[in-house]
C-alpha atoms as a PDB file:
ATOM      1  CA  UNK A   1      -0.369  -0.207  -0.212  1.00  0.00           C
ATOM      2  CA  UNK A   2       3.025   2.449   0.841  1.00  0.00           C
ATOM      3  CA  UNK A   3       4.428   1.522  -2.184  1.00  0.00           C
ATOM      4  CA  UNK A   4       1.888   1.887  -4.345  1.00  0.00           C
ATOM      5  CA  UNK A   5       1.054   5.285  -3.027  1.00  0.00           C
ATOM      6  CA  UNK A   6       5.521   6.606  -3.499  1.00  0.00           C
ATOM      7  CA  UNK A   7       5.106   5.432  -6.908  1.00  0.00           C
ATOM      8  CA  UNK A   8       1.442   6.962  -7.498  1.00  0.00           C
ATOM      9  CA  UNK A   9       3.339  10.640  -5.680  1.00  0.00           C
ATOM     10  CA  UNK A  10       6.512  10.190  -8.169  1.00  0.00           C
ATOM     11  CA  UNK A  11       3.937   9.568 -11.381  1.00  0.00           C
ATOM     12  CA  UNK A  12       1.928  12.491  -9.953  1.00  0.00           C
ATOM     13  CA  UNK A  13       5.555  14.972  -9.680  1.00  0.00           C
ATOM     14  CA  UNK A  14       6.722  13.516 -13.529  1.00  0.00           C
ATOM     15  CA  UNK A  15       3.841  14.837 -14.620  1.00  0.00           C
ATOM     16  CA  UNK A  16       4.225  18.114 -13.133  1.00  0.00           C
ATOM     17  CA  UNK A  17       7.464  18.078 -14.192  1.00  0.00           C
ATOM     18  CA  UNK A  18       9.046  18.025 -10.164  1.00  0.00           C
ATOM     19  CA  UNK A  19      11.774  15.972  -8.666  1.00  0.00           C
ATOM     20  CA  UNK A  20      11.342  14.216  -5.805  1.00  0.00           C
ATOM     21  CA  UNK A  21      14.771  14.805  -4.665  1.00  0.00           C
ATOM     22  CA  UNK A  22      16.802  16.811  -2.322  1.00  0.00           C
ATOM     23  CA  UNK A  23      17.107  19.919  -2.029  1.00  0.00           C
ATOM     24  CA  UNK A  24      20.994  20.604  -3.464  1.00  0.00           C
ATOM     25  CA  UNK A  25      23.047  20.828  -0.073  1.00  0.00           C
ATOM     26  CA  UNK A  26      25.520  24.327  -1.927  1.00  0.00           C
ATOM     27  CA  UNK A  27      22.119  25.684  -2.154  1.00  0.00           C
ATOM     28  CA  UNK A  28      21.455  25.529   1.385  1.00  0.00           C
ATOM     29  CA  UNK A  29      24.817  25.885   2.689  1.00  0.00           C
ATOM     30  CA  UNK A  30      26.242  28.965   0.622  1.00  0.00           C
ATOM     31  CA  UNK A  31      29.829  30.040  -0.469  1.00  0.00           C
ATOM     32  CA  UNK A  32      32.796  32.193  -0.477  1.00  0.00           C
ATOM     33  CA  UNK A  33      32.742  34.664  -3.675  1.00  0.00           C
ATOM     34  CA  UNK A  34      33.537  37.514  -5.214  1.00  0.00           C
ATOM     35  CA  UNK A  35      30.726  39.914  -4.766  1.00  0.00           C
ATOM     36  CA  UNK A  36      32.094  43.373  -6.712  1.00  0.00           C
ATOM     37  CA  UNK A  37      35.586  44.639  -8.335  1.00  0.00           C
ATOM     38  CA  UNK A  38      35.273  48.439  -8.420  1.00  0.00           C
ATOM     39  CA  UNK A  39      38.423  48.620 -11.110  1.00  0.00           C
ATOM     40  CA  UNK A  40      38.236  51.978 -12.060  1.00  0.00           C
ATOM     41  CA  UNK A  41      38.790  54.598  -9.368  1.00  0.00           C
ATOM     42  CA  UNK A  42      37.006  57.908  -9.871  1.00  0.00           C
ATOM     43  CA  UNK A  43      38.809  61.023 -10.814  1.00  0.00           C
ATOM     44  CA  UNK A  44      42.219  60.676 -12.990  1.00  0.00           C
ATOM     45  CA  UNK A  45      44.137  58.123 -12.328  1.00  0.00           C
ATOM     46  CA  UNK A  46      47.771  59.530 -10.430  1.00  0.00           C
ATOM     47  CA  UNK A  47      48.686  56.951  -8.133  1.00  0.00           C
ATOM     48  CA  UNK A  48      47.311  58.821  -5.228  1.00  0.00           C
ATOM     49  CA  UNK A  49      46.522  56.253  -2.094  1.00  0.00           C
ATOM     50  CA  UNK A  50      43.777  57.368  -1.678  1.00  0.00           C
ATOM     51  CA  UNK A  51      42.805  56.530  -5.120  1.00  0.00           C
ATOM     52  CA  UNK A  52      44.615  53.465  -5.402  1.00  0.00           C
ATOM     53  CA  UNK A  53      42.338  52.585  -1.735  1.00  0.00           C
ATOM     54  CA  UNK A  54      39.276  53.207  -4.409  1.00  0.00           C
ATOM     55  CA  UNK A  55      40.224  50.303  -6.342  1.00  0.00           C
ATOM     56  CA  UNK A  56      39.441  47.191  -4.993  1.00  0.00           C
ATOM     57  CA  UNK A  57      37.412  43.694  -4.825  1.00  0.00           C
ATOM     58  CA  UNK A  58      34.672  42.877  -2.143  1.00  0.00           C
ATOM     59  CA  UNK A  59      34.723  38.783  -1.378  1.00  0.00           C
ATOM     60  CA  UNK A  60      31.470  37.696   0.594  1.00  0.00           C
ATOM     61  CA  UNK A  61      30.699  34.471   2.337  1.00  0.00           C
ATOM     62  CA  UNK A  62      26.844  33.463   2.557  1.00  0.00           C
ATOM     63  CA  UNK A  63      27.889  30.538   4.542  1.00  0.00           C
ATOM     64  CA  UNK A  64      26.514  30.114   8.798  1.00  0.00           C
ATOM     65  CA  UNK A  65      30.085  29.990  10.141  1.00  0.00           C
ATOM     66  CA  UNK A  66      32.955  32.562   9.485  1.00  0.00           C
ATOM     67  CA  UNK A  67      35.626  30.722   6.908  1.00  0.00           C
ATOM     68  CA  UNK A  68      39.434  31.245   7.251  1.00  0.00           C
ATOM     69  CA  UNK A  69      40.852  32.767   4.142  1.00  0.00           C
ATOM     70  CA  UNK A  70      44.491  32.004   5.413  1.00  0.00           C
ATOM     71  CA  UNK A  71      46.175  31.254   1.661  1.00  0.00           C
ATOM     72  CA  UNK A  72      43.801  32.120   0.111  1.00  0.00           C
ATOM     73  CA  UNK A  73      44.994  34.293  -3.180  1.00  0.00           C
ATOM     74  CA  UNK A  74      43.538  36.482  -4.865  1.00  0.00           C
ATOM     75  CA  UNK A  75      44.544  36.931  -8.545  1.00  0.00           C
ATOM     76  CA  UNK A  76      43.808  39.122 -11.731  1.00  0.00           C
ATOM     77  CA  UNK A  77      44.934  37.990 -15.278  1.00  0.00           C
ATOM     78  CA  UNK A  78      48.999  39.414 -14.925  1.00  0.00           C
ATOM     79  CA  UNK A  79      49.064  37.361 -12.422  1.00  0.00           C
ATOM     80  CA  UNK A  80      49.046  40.143  -9.868  1.00  0.00           C
ATOM     81  CA  UNK A  81      48.620  38.170  -6.151  1.00  0.00           C
ATOM     82  CA  UNK A  82      47.520  39.131  -3.135  1.00  0.00           C
ATOM     83  CA  UNK A  83      47.628  36.263  -0.119  1.00  0.00           C
ATOM     84  CA  UNK A  84      45.880  36.543   2.681  1.00  0.00           C
ATOM     85  CA  UNK A  85      47.316  35.801   5.973  1.00  0.00           C
ATOM     86  CA  UNK A  86      45.770  34.847   9.025  1.00  0.00           C
ATOM     87  CA  UNK A  87      42.011  36.237   8.505  1.00  0.00           C
ATOM     88  CA  UNK A  88      38.951  34.592   9.494  1.00  0.00           C
ATOM     89  CA  UNK A  89      35.830  36.285   7.258  1.00  0.00           C
ATOM     90  CA  UNK A  90      32.736  36.407   9.207  1.00  0.00           C
ATOM     91  CA  UNK A  91      29.394  34.353   8.601  1.00  0.00           C
ATOM     92  CA  UNK A  92      27.354  36.206   6.157  1.00  0.00           C
ATOM     93  CA  UNK A  93      30.247  39.289   5.658  1.00  0.00           C
ATOM     94  CA  UNK A  94      32.256  41.163   3.053  1.00  0.00           C
ATOM     95  CA  UNK A  95      35.711  42.468   3.470  1.00  0.00           C
ATOM     96  CA  UNK A  96      37.001  44.266   0.912  1.00  0.00           C
ATOM     97  CA  UNK A  97      40.375  44.162  -0.762  1.00  0.00           C
ATOM     98  CA  UNK A  98      41.791  47.484  -1.387  1.00  0.00           C
ATOM     99  CA  UNK A  99      44.549  48.111  -4.071  1.00  0.00           C
ATOM    100  CA  UNK A 100      46.724  50.622  -2.029  1.00  0.00           C
ATOM    101  CA  UNK A 101      48.085  50.962   1.598  1.00  0.00           C
ATOM    102  CA  UNK A 102      46.123  50.705   4.950  1.00  0.00           C
ATOM    103  CA  UNK A 103      45.481  48.990   7.958  1.00  0.00           C
ATOM    104  CA  UNK A 104      44.147  46.686   8.185  1.00  0.00           C
ATOM    105  CA  UNK A 105      40.612  45.364   9.703  1.00  0.00           C
ATOM    106  CA  UNK A 106      38.243  42.402   9.749  1.00  0.00           C
ATOM    107  CA  UNK A 107      36.101  44.582   7.307  1.00  0.00           C
ATOM    108  CA  UNK A 108      38.938  46.105   5.531  1.00  0.00           C
ATOM    109  CA  UNK A 109      42.114  44.615   3.711  1.00  0.00           C
ATOM    110  CA  UNK A 110      45.479  46.507   2.110  1.00  0.00           C
ATOM    111  CA  UNK A 111      47.624  44.930  -0.570  1.00  0.00           C
ATOM    112  CA  UNK A 112      49.752  47.933   0.073  1.00  0.00           C
ATOM    113  CA  UNK A 113      50.752  48.461  -3.727  1.00  0.00           C
ATOM    114  CA  UNK A 114      51.953  51.598  -5.089  1.00  0.00           C
ATOM    115  CA  UNK A 115      49.711  50.642  -8.770  1.00  0.00           C
ATOM    116  CA  UNK A 116      46.996  49.699 -10.022  1.00  0.00           C
ATOM    117  CA  UNK A 117      46.063  45.956 -10.681  1.00  0.00           C
ATOM    118  CA  UNK A 118      43.166  46.227 -12.139  1.00  0.00           C
ATOM    119  CA  UNK A 119      42.915  46.917 -15.872  1.00  0.00           C
ATOM    120  CA  UNK A 120      40.281  49.434 -16.530  1.00  0.00           C
ATOM    121  CA  UNK A 121      38.788  47.983 -19.859  1.00  0.00           C
ATOM    122  CA  UNK A 122      39.038  44.521 -18.924  1.00  0.00           C
ATOM    123  CA  UNK A 123      40.469  41.906 -16.455  1.00  0.00           C
ATOM    124  CA  UNK A 124      39.578  38.755 -14.471  1.00  0.00           C
ATOM    125  CA  UNK A 125      39.845  38.186 -10.945  1.00  0.00           C
ATOM    126  CA  UNK A 126      40.407  34.960  -9.506  1.00  0.00           C
ATOM    127  CA  UNK A 127      39.471  33.759  -5.891  1.00  0.00           C
ATOM    128  CA  UNK A 128      41.370  30.377  -4.528  1.00  0.00           C
ATOM    129  CA  UNK A 129      41.875  29.113  -2.086  1.00  0.00           C
ATOM    130  CA  UNK A 130      44.833  25.780  -1.602  1.00  0.00           C
ATOM    131  CA  UNK A 131      44.743  23.581  -4.312  1.00  0.00           C
ATOM    132  CA  UNK A 132      41.086  24.824  -5.867  1.00  0.00           C
ATOM    133  CA  UNK A 133      39.304  27.788  -7.746  1.00  0.00           C
ATOM    134  CA  UNK A 134      37.062  28.949  -5.454  1.00  0.00           C
ATOM    135  CA  UNK A 135      35.465  31.578  -8.063  1.00  0.00           C
ATOM    136  CA  UNK A 136      36.594  34.087 -11.283  1.00  0.00           C
ATOM    137  CA  UNK A 137      34.994  37.284 -12.216  1.00  0.00           C
ATOM    138  CA  UNK A 138      35.250  38.851 -15.543  1.00  0.00           C
ATOM    139  CA  UNK A 139      34.555  41.913 -16.874  1.00  0.00           C
ATOM    140  CA  UNK A 140      35.125  44.131 -20.392  1.00  0.00           C
ATOM    141  CA  UNK A 141      33.952  47.261 -20.776  1.00  0.00           C
ATOM    142  CA  UNK A 142      35.131  51.022 -19.945  1.00  0.00           C
ATOM    143  CA  UNK A 143      31.338  52.422 -19.894  1.00  0.00           C
ATOM    144  CA  UNK A 144      31.085  51.456 -15.638  1.00  0.00           C
ATOM    145  CA  UNK A 145      33.252  51.644 -13.173  1.00  0.00           C
ATOM    146  CA  UNK A 146      32.709  48.012 -11.732  1.00  0.00           C
ATOM    147  CA  UNK A 147      31.291  44.654 -12.027  1.00  0.00           C
ATOM    148  CA  UNK A 148      28.732  43.013  -9.669  1.00  0.00           C
ATOM    149  CA  UNK A 149      30.004  39.327  -9.744  1.00  0.00           C
END
């Protein structure tokens, strides 16, 4: 009797175009991913620290737990690489990685560079943890100054 009800439910679900499978685990657990690249800082590019710090990448953690980013890297297409030291990105938080110099906090990290990293017309960001690429985000436009990944 129970088997016939399950079979009948499967037939009804199939006819309705539904699947009787559990939801994907990844969809419910979230991820650590590239969120935004602000590649063309406002104003004239004169390599001032304020201008360099206005060029940044935001990384989001949409999981329910803090994630250690120690050893993770953020790289552009020309292989400019920022490596996270000891750092934990809180649950449901973002971190902004600025190109220029500054004091690292929980919400802001600084590459300490004196030159721009992200091209103003096209580039590709890659977020990697040791042994695997976690996310990539590309842009190819001079019409806007940033890309939502």
